[in-house]
Amino acid sequence: MEDESHISANVERFSGFAESYDKFRPRPPAALVEMLVQVAGESHPAVVDIGSGTGLSTLIWTGCARGVIGVEPNADMRAHAERRASDVGISIARFVDGLSTRTGLPAGFADIVTCSQALHWMEPEGTFAEAARILRDGGVFAAYDCDWPPTLNPQAEQAYNECLAHAAEIERTRHLSREVRKWSKEGHLERMRRSGRFSYVSEAVFHHVEEGDAERLVGIALSQGGIETLLKHGLSEDEIGITELRSTLRRVLGTRAVPWFWSYRVRFGVK
């Protein structure tokens, strides 16, 4: 049986900052879509994106899918995704309230089920069971994550990592997220294999380039649930280390935008 306290805490962790999340987070690489379409053997797939957030990982499918559904339990994130889709006139995408273990979608509905930057917040066994249930035979489940931060500048990356580590230590020592539960990304592939839900399990690595400046990297930090948790509990940007991070990044990067080299890891299973 699912632990409702963990579910509620994990969902609430991402409330209240949908706009900045959508503004600063990276867009998934187009090659990911091409690969999953090929593996699934369906050029116009029915896609379900679990943990769809603001729709960044959902709307990338609108160029080829015959339909795409984003499943998102966080009302703030879901509302933002709905507005984005409406603003650009996308009609083949819709967003529903649901969990990774209880999507409410029919069995055998999907050709492809994705989970972007989110599987580590989800109970694995129930999630794999639900993904397999809504997939047709031969359909593909894919969980993918990018490495934080992107490769752009050693000093900038070090400052980002130190800020996030400091924030995590504050969150831990103040016991601010006792009910939050997280699973290691490194264990995704083996857990998928052990689940017995997929006939074939593998991993692929992608490279993706975007541009960003100092303010965007600060925005990336502020889009992390741990940082937002501290802000919600009344800590200042000075205490968290955001002020120092911003100062360092402005000194190192100035105002110029530079290429950001993102590394993506895709763990996928074929039903």
Protein backbone atom coordinates (compact mmCIF):
# COMPACT_ATOMS: atom_id res chain seq x y z
CA MET A 1 0.00 0.00 0.00
CA GLU A 2 1.29 3.46 -0.88
CA ASP A 3 2.40 5.79 1.90
CA GLU A 4 0.10 8.77 1.42
CA SER A 5 2.29 11.03 3.59
CA HIS A 6 5.26 10.52 1.25
CA ILE A 7 3.10 11.11 -1.81
CA SER A 8 1.68 14.34 -0.42
CA ALA A 9 5.11 15.62 0.65
CA ASN A 10 6.72 14.77 -2.70
CA VAL A 11 3.92 16.53 -4.61
CA GLU A 12 3.93 19.59 -2.35
CA ARG A 13 7.71 19.96 -2.78
CA PHE A 14 7.07 21.35 -6.28
CA SER A 15 4.25 23.77 -5.47
CA GLY A 16 4.49 27.51 -5.89
CA PHE A 17 7.22 27.99 -8.50
CA ALA A 18 5.81 26.60 -11.76
CA GLU A 19 6.56 29.77 -13.73
CA SER A 20 10.27 29.90 -12.86
CA TYR A 21 10.56 26.12 -13.26
CA ASP A 22 9.19 26.38 -16.79
CA LYS A 23 11.34 29.41 -17.63
CA PHE A 24 14.72 28.07 -16.55
CA ARG A 25 14.65 24.27 -16.89
CA PRO A 26 16.07 22.67 -20.06
CA ARG A 27 13.92 21.30 -22.89
CA PRO A 28 14.43 17.58 -23.58
CA PRO A 29 16.47 16.76 -26.71
CA ALA A 30 14.59 16.13 -29.94
CA ALA A 31 16.71 13.02 -30.56
CA LEU A 32 15.03 11.40 -27.56
CA VAL A 33 11.69 11.55 -29.35
CA GLU A 34 13.20 10.09 -32.50
CA MET A 35 14.79 7.19 -30.60
CA LEU A 36 11.66 6.24 -28.67
CA VAL A 37 9.50 6.39 -31.80
CA GLN A 38 11.92 4.02 -33.50
CA VAL A 39 12.12 1.61 -30.55
CA ALA A 40 8.33 1.58 -30.19
CA GLY A 41 7.89 0.99 -33.93
CA GLU A 42 5.13 3.60 -34.20
CA SER A 43 5.64 6.84 -36.12
CA HIS A 44 2.51 8.50 -34.70
CA PRO A 45 2.40 7.19 -31.14
CA ALA A 46 -0.06 7.67 -28.34
CA VAL A 47 2.12 9.06 -25.54
CA VAL A 48 1.65 9.36 -21.79
CA ASP A 49 4.05 11.60 -19.89
CA ILE A 50 3.97 10.77 -16.16
CA GLY A 51 5.02 13.53 -13.79
CA SER A 52 4.60 16.01 -16.62
CA GLY A 53 5.16 19.15 -14.54
CA THR A 54 4.75 22.32 -16.59
CA GLY A 55 4.58 20.39 -19.85
CA LEU A 56 8.21 20.76 -20.94
CA SER A 57 8.46 17.01 -21.47
CA THR A 58 4.91 16.65 -22.80
CA LEU A 59 4.73 19.23 -25.54
CA ILE A 60 7.89 17.95 -27.27
CA TRP A 61 5.65 15.16 -28.59
CA THR A 62 3.13 17.33 -30.38
CA GLY A 63 5.05 17.23 -33.66
CA CYS A 64 4.63 13.50 -34.15
CA ALA A 65 2.17 12.00 -31.63
CA ARG A 66 -1.43 11.34 -32.49
CA GLY A 67 -2.19 12.28 -28.91
CA VAL A 68 -0.27 13.00 -25.70
CA ILE A 69 -1.46 13.05 -22.11
CA GLY A 70 0.46 14.61 -19.25
CA VAL A 71 -0.24 13.05 -15.85
CA GLU A 72 0.60 15.48 -13.03
CA PRO A 73 -0.60 15.50 -9.40
CA ASN A 74 0.64 19.03 -8.61
CA ALA A 75 -2.14 21.51 -9.38
CA ASP A 76 0.23 24.50 -9.86
CA MET A 77 2.36 22.64 -12.38
CA ARG A 78 -0.64 21.19 -14.20
CA ALA A 79 -2.38 24.56 -14.53
CA HIS A 80 0.77 26.11 -15.99
CA ALA A 81 1.04 23.29 -18.53
CA GLU A 82 -2.57 23.75 -19.57
CA ARG A 83 -2.00 27.49 -20.10
CA ARG A 84 1.13 26.84 -22.18
CA ALA A 85 -0.70 24.40 -24.43
CA SER A 86 -3.64 26.78 -24.81
CA ASP A 87 -1.44 29.81 -25.54
CA VAL A 88 0.24 28.09 -28.49
CA GLY A 89 -2.95 26.44 -29.74
CA ILE A 90 -1.93 22.82 -29.15
CA SER A 91 -5.02 20.64 -29.14
CA ILE A 92 -3.60 17.11 -29.17
CA ALA A 93 -2.14 17.48 -25.66
CA ARG A 94 -4.16 17.31 -22.48
CA PHE A 95 -3.23 17.21 -18.81
CA VAL A 96 -4.89 15.14 -16.11
CA ASP A 97 -4.61 14.84 -12.34
CA GLY A 98 -3.08 11.50 -11.43
CA LEU A 99 -0.21 9.63 -9.83
CA SER A 100 2.49 7.46 -11.36
CA THR A 101 0.83 4.47 -9.69
CA ARG A 102 -2.75 5.52 -10.48
CA THR A 103 -3.04 7.36 -13.78
CA GLY A 104 -6.71 6.56 -14.35
CA LEU A 105 -5.97 5.75 -18.00
CA PRO A 106 -7.19 2.60 -19.79
CA ALA A 107 -5.08 -0.54 -20.14
CA GLY A 108 -3.08 -0.91 -23.36
CA PHE A 109 -3.71 2.73 -24.22
CA ALA A 110 -0.17 3.97 -24.92
CA ASP A 111 2.65 3.23 -27.33
CA ILE A 112 5.14 5.22 -25.25
CA VAL A 113 5.16 6.19 -21.57
CA THR A 114 7.77 8.70 -20.41
CA CYS A 115 8.94 10.05 -17.09
CA SER A 116 11.20 13.11 -17.25
CA GLN A 117 13.27 14.21 -14.26
CA ALA A 118 10.74 12.61 -11.94
CA LEU A 119 11.09 8.84 -11.45
CA HIS A 120 13.28 9.37 -8.37
CA TRP A 121 10.24 10.93 -6.65
CA MET A 122 7.99 7.95 -7.44
CA GLU A 123 7.49 4.58 -5.74
CA PRO A 124 9.20 2.29 -8.26
CA GLU A 125 7.25 -0.98 -8.18
CA GLY A 126 3.85 0.64 -8.43
CA THR A 127 5.05 3.00 -11.13
CA PHE A 128 6.47 0.20 -13.27
CA ALA A 129 3.29 -1.83 -12.83
CA GLU A 130 1.11 1.10 -13.91
CA ALA A 131 3.34 1.95 -16.87
CA ALA A 132 3.19 -1.67 -18.05
CA ARG A 133 -0.59 -1.73 -17.57
CA ILE A 134 -1.25 1.29 -19.78
CA LEU A 135 1.30 0.23 -22.44
CA ARG A 136 0.36 -1.97 -25.36
CA ASP A 137 2.51 -5.04 -25.99
CA GLY A 138 5.78 -3.85 -27.51
CA GLY A 139 5.29 -0.37 -26.09
CA VAL A 140 8.15 1.51 -24.41
CA PHE A 141 8.55 3.02 -20.95
CA ALA A 142 11.39 5.56 -20.70
CA ALA A 143 12.65 7.42 -17.64
CA TYR A 144 15.20 10.11 -18.38
CA ASP A 145 17.22 12.65 -16.41
CA CYS A 146 19.84 15.26 -17.16
CA ASP A 147 22.99 15.71 -15.11
CA TRP A 148 23.07 18.82 -12.91
CA PRO A 149 24.55 21.30 -13.65
CA PRO A 150 25.27 21.39 -17.38
CA THR A 151 28.86 21.59 -18.53
CA LEU A 152 29.66 25.25 -19.20
CA ASN A 153 32.44 26.62 -16.96
CA PRO A 154 34.39 24.94 -14.14
CA GLN A 155 34.10 27.85 -11.70
CA ALA A 156 30.39 28.29 -12.41
CA GLU A 157 29.71 24.59 -12.01
CA GLN A 158 31.66 24.40 -8.75
CA ALA A 159 29.78 27.39 -7.33
CA TYR A 160 26.45 25.81 -8.29
CA ASN A 161 27.38 22.47 -6.71
CA GLU A 162 28.56 24.11 -3.50
CA CYS A 163 25.34 26.11 -3.22
CA LEU A 164 23.15 23.04 -3.70
CA ALA A 165 25.21 21.01 -1.23
CA HIS A 166 24.92 23.79 1.36
CA ALA A 167 21.16 23.98 0.85
CA ALA A 168 20.79 20.21 1.18
CA GLU A 169 22.72 20.27 4.46
CA ILE A 170 20.46 22.99 5.87
CA GLU A 171 17.38 21.03 4.84
CA ARG A 172 18.76 17.89 6.45
CA THR A 173 19.91 19.40 9.73
CA ARG A 174 16.68 21.35 10.21
CA HIS A 175 14.56 18.27 9.40
CA LEU A 176 12.45 20.24 6.95
CA SER A 177 11.49 17.34 4.66
CA ARG A 178 10.97 14.37 6.94
CA GLU A 179 8.10 12.98 4.90
CA VAL A 180 9.77 13.43 1.50
CA ARG A 181 11.05 10.23 -0.04
CA LYS A 182 13.51 9.92 -2.91
CA TRP A 183 14.96 6.96 -4.81
CA SER A 184 18.44 7.02 -6.37
CA LYS A 185 18.62 7.74 -10.07
CA GLU A 186 21.56 5.35 -10.33
CA GLY A 187 19.25 2.50 -9.32
CA HIS A 188 16.58 3.12 -11.97
CA LEU A 189 17.91 0.62 -14.49
CA GLU A 190 18.36 -2.26 -12.07
CA ARG A 191 14.95 -1.66 -10.48
CA MET A 192 13.37 -1.75 -13.93
CA ARG A 193 15.09 -5.07 -14.64
CA ARG A 194 14.06 -6.57 -11.30
CA SER A 195 10.45 -5.47 -11.70
CA GLY A 196 9.76 -8.17 -14.29
CA ARG A 197 7.44 -5.79 -16.16
CA PHE A 198 9.61 -5.42 -19.26
CA SER A 199 10.95 -7.94 -21.77
CA TYR A 200 13.95 -5.79 -22.62
CA VAL A 201 15.67 -3.09 -20.56
CA SER A 202 18.50 -0.84 -21.69
CA GLU A 203 20.08 2.59 -21.34
CA ALA A 204 20.99 5.32 -23.82
CA VAL A 205 22.91 8.57 -23.39
CA PHE A 206 22.11 11.83 -25.17
CA HIS A 207 23.84 15.15 -25.62
CA HIS A 208 21.88 18.39 -25.87
CA VAL A 209 23.01 22.02 -26.27
CA GLU A 210 21.21 25.15 -25.08
CA GLU A 211 22.44 28.59 -24.11
CA GLY A 212 22.37 30.32 -20.77
CA ASP A 213 23.87 33.13 -18.74
CA ALA A 214 24.50 33.75 -15.04
CA GLU A 215 20.88 34.56 -14.28
CA ARG A 216 19.65 31.39 -15.90
CA LEU A 217 21.98 29.24 -13.81
CA VAL A 218 20.71 30.99 -10.69
CA GLY A 219 17.22 30.27 -11.98
CA ILE A 220 18.12 26.60 -12.39
CA ALA A 221 19.16 26.53 -8.73
CA LEU A 222 15.93 28.24 -7.69
CA SER A 223 13.93 25.65 -9.68
CA GLN A 224 15.20 22.86 -7.42
CA GLY A 225 12.71 21.60 -4.85
CA GLY A 226 15.27 21.68 -2.04
CA ILE A 227 16.02 25.38 -2.53
CA GLU A 228 12.32 26.21 -2.76
CA THR A 229 11.66 24.26 0.43
CA LEU A 230 14.11 26.47 2.31
CA LEU A 231 12.56 29.64 0.88
CA LYS A 232 9.08 28.43 1.88
CA HIS A 233 10.35 27.96 5.43
CA GLY A 234 11.48 31.57 5.59
CA LEU A 235 15.20 31.29 4.94
CA SER A 236 16.75 34.14 2.98
CA GLU A 237 18.76 33.88 -0.22
CA ASP A 238 21.77 35.01 1.81
CA GLU A 239 21.37 32.11 4.26
CA ILE A 240 20.85 29.57 1.49
CA GLY A 241 23.83 30.76 -0.53
CA ILE A 242 21.93 32.10 -3.54
CA THR A 243 23.32 35.62 -3.09
CA GLU A 244 26.88 34.32 -3.13
CA LEU A 245 26.12 32.07 -6.10
CA ARG A 246 24.68 34.97 -8.08
CA SER A 247 27.71 37.14 -7.31
CA THR A 248 30.16 34.41 -8.34
CA LEU A 249 28.32 33.63 -11.56
CA ARG A 250 28.12 37.29 -12.56
CA ARG A 251 31.85 37.63 -11.98
CA VAL A 252 32.72 34.43 -13.87
CA LEU A 253 30.22 34.61 -16.72
CA GLY A 254 29.35 38.27 -16.91
CA THR A 255 26.17 39.00 -18.86
CA ARG A 256 26.99 36.87 -21.88
CA ALA A 257 25.14 33.71 -22.79
CA VAL A 258 27.33 30.68 -23.45
CA PRO A 259 26.58 27.18 -24.72
CA TRP A 260 25.36 24.75 -22.06
CA PHE A 261 26.15 21.11 -22.75
CA TRP A 262 23.54 18.86 -21.15
CA SER A 263 24.04 15.13 -20.64
CA TYR A 264 20.89 12.98 -20.54
CA ARG A 265 20.58 9.41 -19.31
CA VAL A 266 17.63 7.43 -20.62
CA ARG A 267 16.61 4.15 -18.98
CA PHE A 268 13.99 2.36 -21.03
CA GLY A 269 12.08 -0.88 -21.04
CA VAL A 270 10.01 -2.60 -23.72
CA LYS A 271 6.87 -4.34 -22.54
